[in-house]
Amino acid sequence: MIRVAFYDTKAYDQPSFIQYGKENDVEFRFLETKLTEDTVELARGYDAVCVFVNDTVNAAVIDKLYEYGVKMVALRCAGYNNVDIRHAFKKVHVAHVPAYSPYAVAEHTMALLLTSIRRIHKAYNRTRDFNFSLNGLTGFDLHGKTVGVVGTGKIGRVFIDICKGFGMNVIAYDKFPAADSGITYVPLDELFEKSDVISFHCPLTEETKHMVNAAAIERMKKGVVILNTSRGALIDAEALLEGIKARKVGAACLDVYEEEADIFFEDRSGHIMDDDLLSRLITMPNVIVTSHQAFLTEEALNNIAETTVGNIVSCFKNDGICDNELCYRCGNVEHCRKNGRPHRCF
């Protein structure tokens, strides 16, 4: 039996993980608390920990996990910016879920875009009060507009296909362009300058942090629509707010926020919001914020549980070879390979 401490548990997590755990001899202890330096003690005596996007897996936490004999950090998400991969090497193995449902995130991105530009959220609120006026609800066609897609992994490419279905012109930027994809790649500055809509689908790294800043917004078209369903820190929220106030940014649709860790996934409706920046963004009439829910479909939850449990089983069995292991030593973190095949570096 493989014993796993499961941090930051939500009600929607448990059914699929319990099912796949029973099928694979993996026992989960579901904890509501996030993994931090103060709660890492709860992992003592477990073989692995299972964490999500807002859990803290820094050097101090990794050292404690190593001290307690925990051998694996199993991420139930694609992003790993909250994990010190460099420090984890030779201490704990780290694996993620690279593709749980690119359709879920891409479709949510398009839902945000359509809701924003066709004022669907405003119309919904009006008609519930029996207000059927059309004043202020004028939108614009997507057909013929240029969308710039930053990041052309699986999610980005699905979003591109959706945009093409609407008759949009697609340009893209990626540090590692997809070969033979038929995608029109341009430099990032050119994408900012030419796009009517810009959507972000890239990972958060030191290089991509605050790639949308005051200078970047200055290069964008007046009235640009910005979409972010990737990681909050891709966008400097203060610069975004200033761009909105200056009428440079026409609309912003955010499923993520840089300082979301202590806010998202919880009911804060009865509390005073301490984050003034987020409060101001939410009050803007051309801003839509959803609470990191782009991934939240039944299909995605099932795939996340199946892949995460599979990663755990692979790490402790089958010679320890896990296709989704993240490895600092290999350079290309997400593709730990030797002679073209997955292997174990330590």
Protein backbone atom coordinates (compact mmCIF):
# COMPACT_ATOMS: atom_id res chain seq x y z
CA MET A 1 0.00 0.00 0.00
CA ILE A 2 1.37 3.41 -1.04
CA ARG A 3 0.34 6.10 1.47
CA VAL A 4 -0.16 9.65 0.21
CA ALA A 5 -0.85 12.90 2.10
CA PHE A 6 -3.25 14.85 -0.13
CA TYR A 7 -3.08 18.60 0.54
CA ASP A 8 -5.55 21.40 -0.26
CA THR A 9 -8.44 18.97 -0.74
CA LYS A 10 -11.70 20.13 -2.28
CA ALA A 11 -14.94 18.13 -2.40
CA TYR A 12 -14.65 17.64 -6.16
CA ASP A 13 -11.19 16.03 -5.77
CA GLN A 14 -12.14 13.03 -3.69
CA PRO A 15 -14.43 10.77 -5.79
CA SER A 16 -12.00 10.17 -8.66
CA PHE A 17 -8.93 9.90 -6.44
CA ILE A 18 -10.64 7.44 -4.10
CA GLN A 19 -11.69 5.33 -7.08
CA TYR A 20 -8.28 5.19 -8.75
CA GLY A 21 -6.54 4.84 -5.40
CA LYS A 22 -8.52 1.71 -4.53
CA GLU A 23 -7.83 0.24 -7.96
CA ASN A 24 -4.06 0.78 -7.61
CA ASP A 25 -3.44 0.08 -3.91
CA VAL A 26 -2.89 3.78 -3.12
CA GLU A 27 -4.30 5.18 0.13
CA PHE A 28 -4.96 8.91 0.39
CA ARG A 29 -5.26 11.00 3.54
CA PHE A 30 -7.27 14.03 2.46
CA LEU A 31 -6.21 17.26 4.18
CA GLU A 32 -8.00 20.60 3.79
CA THR A 33 -4.90 22.62 4.60
CA LYS A 34 -2.39 23.72 1.97
CA LEU A 35 1.17 22.41 2.08
CA THR A 36 3.41 25.02 3.70
CA GLU A 37 6.42 25.09 5.98
CA ASP A 38 3.96 25.03 8.90
CA THR A 39 1.90 22.04 7.67
CA VAL A 40 4.61 19.83 6.17
CA GLU A 41 4.73 17.96 9.50
CA LEU A 42 1.45 16.29 8.49
CA ALA A 43 3.34 14.41 5.78
CA ARG A 44 5.49 12.54 8.28
CA GLY A 45 5.12 8.80 7.79
CA TYR A 46 3.75 9.04 4.23
CA ASP A 47 5.39 7.83 1.04
CA ALA A 48 4.31 10.79 -1.07
CA VAL A 49 2.44 14.08 -1.03
CA CYS A 50 -0.13 15.16 -3.59
CA VAL A 51 -0.28 18.94 -4.14
CA PHE A 52 -2.02 21.57 -6.26
CA VAL A 53 -1.16 24.98 -7.72
CA ASN A 54 -1.19 27.02 -4.50
CA ASP A 55 0.71 24.59 -2.28
CA THR A 56 4.23 25.69 -1.33
CA VAL A 57 7.00 23.26 -2.25
CA ASN A 58 10.06 25.42 -1.65
CA ALA A 59 13.50 24.38 -0.44
CA ALA A 60 12.51 24.36 3.23
CA VAL A 61 9.48 22.16 2.58
CA ILE A 62 11.48 19.82 0.36
CA ASP A 63 14.14 19.41 3.05
CA LYS A 64 11.47 18.48 5.58
CA LEU A 65 9.84 15.99 3.18
CA TYR A 66 13.24 14.41 2.59
CA GLU A 67 13.87 14.26 6.35
CA TYR A 68 10.50 12.55 6.88
CA GLY A 69 11.24 9.94 4.23
CA VAL A 70 8.71 11.24 1.70
CA LYS A 71 9.97 10.15 -1.69
CA MET A 72 7.63 11.88 -4.12
CA VAL A 73 5.75 15.10 -4.79
CA ALA A 74 2.81 14.31 -7.08
CA LEU A 75 1.40 17.45 -8.67
CA ARG A 76 -2.21 17.14 -9.77
CA CYS A 77 -1.78 19.97 -12.27
CA ALA A 78 0.40 20.85 -15.24
CA GLY A 79 2.21 23.88 -13.82
CA TYR A 80 5.09 23.48 -11.39
CA ASN A 81 6.23 27.06 -10.72
CA ASN A 82 5.41 26.49 -7.02
CA VAL A 83 8.01 23.70 -6.78
CA ASP A 84 11.75 24.28 -6.40
CA ILE A 85 12.72 21.68 -9.03
CA ARG A 86 16.42 22.43 -8.65
CA HIS A 87 16.38 21.81 -4.89
CA ALA A 88 14.27 18.66 -5.26
CA PHE A 89 16.95 16.89 -7.30
CA LYS A 90 18.39 13.92 -5.40
CA LYS A 91 15.88 14.46 -2.58
CA VAL A 92 12.32 13.87 -3.83
CA HIS A 93 10.93 12.88 -7.21
CA VAL A 94 8.46 15.30 -8.75
CA ALA A 95 5.82 14.45 -11.37
CA HIS A 96 3.00 16.45 -12.91
CA VAL A 97 -0.07 16.02 -15.12
CA PRO A 98 0.98 17.52 -18.45
CA ALA A 99 -2.39 17.27 -20.21
CA TYR A 100 -5.53 16.55 -18.24
CA SER A 101 -7.92 18.20 -20.69
CA PRO A 102 -6.67 20.89 -23.04
CA TYR A 103 -10.26 21.22 -24.23
CA ALA A 104 -11.50 22.25 -20.78
CA VAL A 105 -9.09 25.20 -20.51
CA ALA A 106 -9.34 26.25 -24.16
CA GLU A 107 -13.13 26.15 -24.12
CA HIS A 108 -13.27 28.18 -20.90
CA THR A 109 -10.98 30.76 -22.51
CA MET A 110 -13.34 31.14 -25.45
CA ALA A 111 -16.32 31.27 -23.07
CA LEU A 112 -14.69 34.20 -21.25
CA LEU A 113 -13.97 35.97 -24.53
CA LEU A 114 -17.53 35.60 -25.84
CA THR A 115 -19.05 36.57 -22.50
CA SER A 116 -16.94 39.72 -22.43
CA ILE A 117 -17.28 41.02 -25.96
CA ARG A 118 -21.00 40.21 -26.29
CA ARG A 119 -21.79 41.50 -22.76
CA ILE A 120 -23.56 38.27 -21.87
CA HIS A 121 -22.90 38.68 -18.14
CA LYS A 122 -24.45 42.16 -18.20
CA ALA A 123 -27.48 40.97 -20.18
CA TYR A 124 -27.99 38.09 -17.75
CA ASN A 125 -28.06 40.45 -14.78
CA ARG A 126 -30.42 42.86 -16.56
CA THR A 127 -33.02 40.37 -17.66
CA ARG A 128 -33.26 38.90 -14.17
CA ASP A 129 -34.57 42.35 -13.20
CA PHE A 130 -36.84 42.35 -16.28
CA ASN A 131 -34.67 45.02 -17.89
CA PHE A 132 -34.62 44.27 -21.61
CA SER A 133 -32.82 47.41 -22.78
CA LEU A 134 -29.98 46.90 -25.27
CA ASN A 135 -28.17 50.11 -24.36
CA GLY A 136 -24.50 49.44 -23.62
CA LEU A 137 -24.59 45.85 -24.88
CA THR A 138 -23.02 46.40 -28.30
CA GLY A 139 -20.17 43.98 -28.95
CA PHE A 140 -18.03 43.14 -31.97
CA ASP A 141 -17.58 40.22 -34.37
CA LEU A 142 -14.71 37.82 -33.81
CA HIS A 143 -14.73 36.92 -37.50
CA GLY A 144 -11.81 38.60 -39.24
CA LYS A 145 -10.15 39.77 -36.04
CA THR A 146 -6.55 38.85 -35.24
CA VAL A 147 -5.91 36.73 -32.16
CA GLY A 148 -2.40 36.38 -30.77
CA VAL A 149 -1.79 33.14 -28.90
CA VAL A 150 1.20 33.06 -26.55
CA GLY A 151 2.15 29.44 -25.96
CA THR A 152 1.30 26.71 -28.44
CA GLY A 153 1.31 23.58 -26.32
CA LYS A 154 -1.75 21.36 -26.30
CA ILE A 155 -4.04 23.97 -24.76
CA GLY A 156 -2.81 26.74 -27.02
CA ARG A 157 -3.27 24.65 -30.14
CA VAL A 158 -6.83 23.64 -29.15
CA PHE A 159 -7.63 27.31 -28.56
CA ILE A 160 -6.18 28.13 -31.98
CA ASP A 161 -8.49 25.56 -33.59
CA ILE A 162 -11.48 27.10 -31.81
CA CYS A 163 -10.49 30.58 -32.98
CA LYS A 164 -10.12 29.38 -36.56
CA GLY A 165 -13.66 28.03 -36.32
CA PHE A 166 -14.81 31.58 -35.65
CA GLY A 167 -12.97 32.81 -38.73
CA MET A 168 -10.25 34.62 -36.81
CA ASN A 169 -6.76 35.30 -38.12
CA VAL A 170 -4.27 33.54 -35.83
CA ILE A 171 -0.69 34.51 -35.06
CA ALA A 172 1.36 32.95 -32.28
CA TYR A 173 4.51 33.17 -30.23
CA ASP A 174 6.34 30.32 -28.56
CA LYS A 175 9.97 29.99 -27.54
CA PHE A 176 9.80 26.46 -28.93
CA PRO A 177 7.55 26.59 -32.04
CA ALA A 178 5.58 23.45 -32.88
CA ALA A 179 7.15 21.88 -35.96
CA ASP A 180 4.96 21.29 -39.03
CA SER A 181 1.94 22.77 -37.22
CA GLY A 182 0.92 25.25 -39.88
CA ILE A 183 0.84 27.95 -37.18
CA THR A 184 2.03 31.43 -38.16
CA TYR A 185 4.70 32.37 -35.62
CA VAL A 186 5.82 35.96 -35.08
CA PRO A 187 8.08 37.73 -32.54
CA LEU A 188 6.34 38.62 -29.28
CA ASP A 189 6.51 42.36 -29.92
CA GLU A 190 4.84 41.91 -33.30
CA LEU A 191 2.13 39.78 -31.73
CA PHE A 192 1.43 42.52 -29.18
CA GLU A 193 1.27 45.17 -31.92
CA LYS A 194 -1.01 43.31 -34.34
CA SER A 195 -3.47 41.41 -32.15
CA ASP A 196 -7.04 42.47 -31.37
CA VAL A 197 -7.23 39.65 -28.81
CA ILE A 198 -4.26 38.16 -26.91
CA SER A 199 -4.54 34.85 -25.05
CA PHE A 200 -1.89 33.37 -22.78
CA HIS A 201 -1.27 29.61 -22.62
CA CYS A 202 2.39 29.41 -21.60
CA PRO A 203 4.01 28.22 -18.35
CA LEU A 204 5.23 30.62 -15.69
CA THR A 205 9.02 30.84 -15.60
CA GLU A 206 11.54 33.50 -14.66
CA GLU A 207 11.52 34.50 -18.33
CA THR A 208 7.74 34.76 -18.70
CA LYS A 209 6.93 36.43 -15.37
CA HIS A 210 5.26 39.81 -16.01
CA MET A 211 5.65 39.42 -19.77
CA VAL A 212 2.62 41.71 -19.84
CA ASN A 213 3.91 44.87 -18.21
CA ALA A 214 3.51 48.58 -18.83
CA ALA A 215 5.88 48.54 -21.82
CA ALA A 216 4.12 45.56 -23.39
CA ILE A 217 0.69 47.15 -22.96
CA GLU A 218 1.98 50.35 -24.55
CA ARG A 219 2.82 48.35 -27.70
CA MET A 220 -0.64 46.78 -27.91
CA LYS A 221 -3.58 48.01 -29.98
CA LYS A 222 -6.00 50.39 -28.34
CA GLY A 223 -8.98 48.32 -27.18
CA VAL A 224 -7.07 45.02 -27.01
CA VAL A 225 -8.76 42.15 -25.18
CA ILE A 226 -6.42 40.22 -22.86
CA LEU A 227 -7.18 36.63 -21.80
CA ASN A 228 -5.24 34.70 -19.17
CA THR A 229 -6.16 31.15 -18.18
CA SER A 230 -2.57 30.05 -17.56
CA ARG A 231 -0.73 31.58 -14.58
CA GLY A 232 -1.49 34.88 -12.88
CA ALA A 233 2.07 36.18 -12.70
CA LEU A 234 2.36 36.28 -16.49
CA ILE A 235 0.60 39.62 -16.12
CA ASP A 236 1.68 42.56 -13.97
CA ALA A 237 -1.74 43.27 -12.49
CA GLU A 238 -0.89 46.87 -11.58
CA ALA A 239 0.17 47.58 -15.16
CA LEU A 240 -3.01 45.91 -16.41
CA LEU A 241 -5.16 48.08 -14.16
CA GLU A 242 -3.40 51.21 -15.38
CA GLY A 243 -3.89 50.07 -18.99
CA ILE A 244 -7.62 49.64 -18.34
CA LYS A 245 -7.92 53.05 -16.68
CA ALA A 246 -6.08 54.64 -19.62
CA ARG A 247 -8.61 53.01 -22.01
CA LYS A 248 -5.73 51.21 -23.73
CA VAL A 249 -6.97 47.75 -22.69
CA GLY A 250 -10.52 47.23 -23.91
CA ALA A 251 -11.24 44.20 -21.75
CA ALA A 252 -9.50 41.64 -19.56
CA CYS A 253 -10.66 38.10 -18.79
CA LEU A 254 -8.72 36.45 -15.99
CA ASP A 255 -9.08 32.95 -14.59
CA VAL A 256 -5.85 33.37 -12.65
CA TYR A 257 -4.29 36.10 -10.53
CA GLU A 258 -0.75 36.54 -9.25
CA GLU A 259 -1.72 36.74 -5.58
CA GLU A 260 -4.54 34.20 -5.74
CA ALA A 261 -3.08 31.67 -3.29
CA ASP A 262 -4.95 32.89 -0.22
CA ILE A 263 -8.07 34.00 -2.09
CA PHE A 264 -9.14 31.61 -4.83
CA PHE A 265 -10.90 28.29 -4.20
CA GLU A 266 -12.52 29.70 -1.03
CA ASP A 267 -15.79 31.49 -0.24
CA ARG A 268 -14.76 35.04 0.68
CA SER A 269 -18.22 36.57 0.25
CA GLY A 270 -18.57 37.34 3.95
CA HIS A 271 -15.15 38.89 4.33
CA ILE A 272 -13.56 42.24 3.58
CA MET A 273 -11.16 41.84 0.66
CA ASP A 274 -7.66 42.83 1.74
CA ASP A 275 -6.28 42.72 -1.80
CA ASP A 276 -7.04 46.22 -3.08
CA LEU A 277 -5.69 45.51 -6.55
CA LEU A 278 -7.95 42.53 -7.16
CA SER A 279 -10.90 44.45 -5.70
CA ARG A 280 -10.32 47.30 -8.13
CA LEU A 281 -9.97 44.96 -11.09
CA ILE A 282 -13.23 43.20 -10.25
CA THR A 283 -15.09 46.53 -10.06
CA MET A 284 -14.06 47.44 -13.61
CA PRO A 285 -16.99 46.98 -16.03
CA ASN A 286 -14.74 45.47 -18.71
CA VAL A 287 -13.05 42.88 -16.47
CA ILE A 288 -14.24 39.32 -15.86
CA VAL A 289 -12.55 37.26 -13.15
CA THR A 290 -13.24 33.57 -12.61
CA SER A 291 -11.67 31.63 -9.75
CA HIS A 292 -9.13 29.37 -11.49
CA GLN A 293 -11.91 27.13 -12.78
CA ALA A 294 -10.86 26.67 -16.41
CA PHE A 295 -9.77 23.10 -15.69
CA LEU A 296 -12.95 22.17 -13.84
CA THR A 297 -14.83 19.66 -15.98
CA GLU A 298 -15.80 16.09 -15.15
CA GLU A 299 -13.51 14.79 -17.88
CA ALA A 300 -10.55 16.80 -16.64
CA LEU A 301 -11.03 15.78 -13.00
CA ASN A 302 -11.12 12.13 -14.03
CA ASN A 303 -8.00 12.49 -16.17
CA ILE A 304 -6.15 14.35 -13.41
CA ALA A 305 -6.86 11.59 -10.88
CA GLU A 306 -6.03 8.79 -13.30
CA THR A 307 -2.73 10.35 -14.38
CA THR A 308 -1.68 11.42 -10.87
CA VAL A 309 -2.29 7.96 -9.43
CA GLY A 310 -0.50 6.48 -12.42
CA ASN A 311 2.48 8.74 -11.74
CA ILE A 312 2.57 7.65 -8.09
CA VAL A 313 2.38 3.96 -8.95
CA SER A 314 5.09 4.35 -11.62
CA CYS A 315 7.41 6.10 -9.17
CA PHE A 316 7.16 3.34 -6.57
CA LYS A 317 6.87 0.39 -8.93
CA ASN A 318 7.92 -0.50 -12.49
CA ASP A 319 11.58 0.30 -11.76
CA GLY A 320 10.59 3.80 -10.75
CA ILE A 321 10.26 5.04 -14.33
CA CYS A 322 7.60 7.75 -14.62
CA ASP A 323 6.86 9.34 -17.99
CA ASN A 324 5.76 12.58 -16.34
CA GLU A 325 8.68 13.10 -13.98
CA LEU A 326 10.14 16.61 -13.81
CA CYS A 327 13.92 16.69 -13.68
CA TYR A 328 16.23 19.64 -13.14
CA ARG A 329 19.31 17.64 -14.20
CA CYS A 330 18.06 16.93 -17.71
CA GLY A 331 17.77 20.59 -18.63
CA ASN A 332 14.47 20.16 -20.44
CA VAL A 333 12.52 19.75 -17.21
CA GLU A 334 9.36 18.23 -18.66
CA HIS A 335 11.11 15.69 -20.85
CA CYS A 336 13.44 13.62 -18.72
CA ARG A 337 14.90 11.34 -21.38
CA LYS A 338 17.97 9.19 -22.03
CA ASN A 339 18.47 7.75 -25.50
CA GLY A 340 14.96 8.95 -26.30
CA ARG A 341 13.32 6.98 -23.49
CA PRO A 342 12.10 7.97 -20.00
CA HIS A 343 14.58 7.12 -17.25
CA ARG A 344 15.34 7.93 -13.64
CA CYS A 345 18.12 10.40 -12.88
CA PHE A 346 18.45 9.49 -9.19
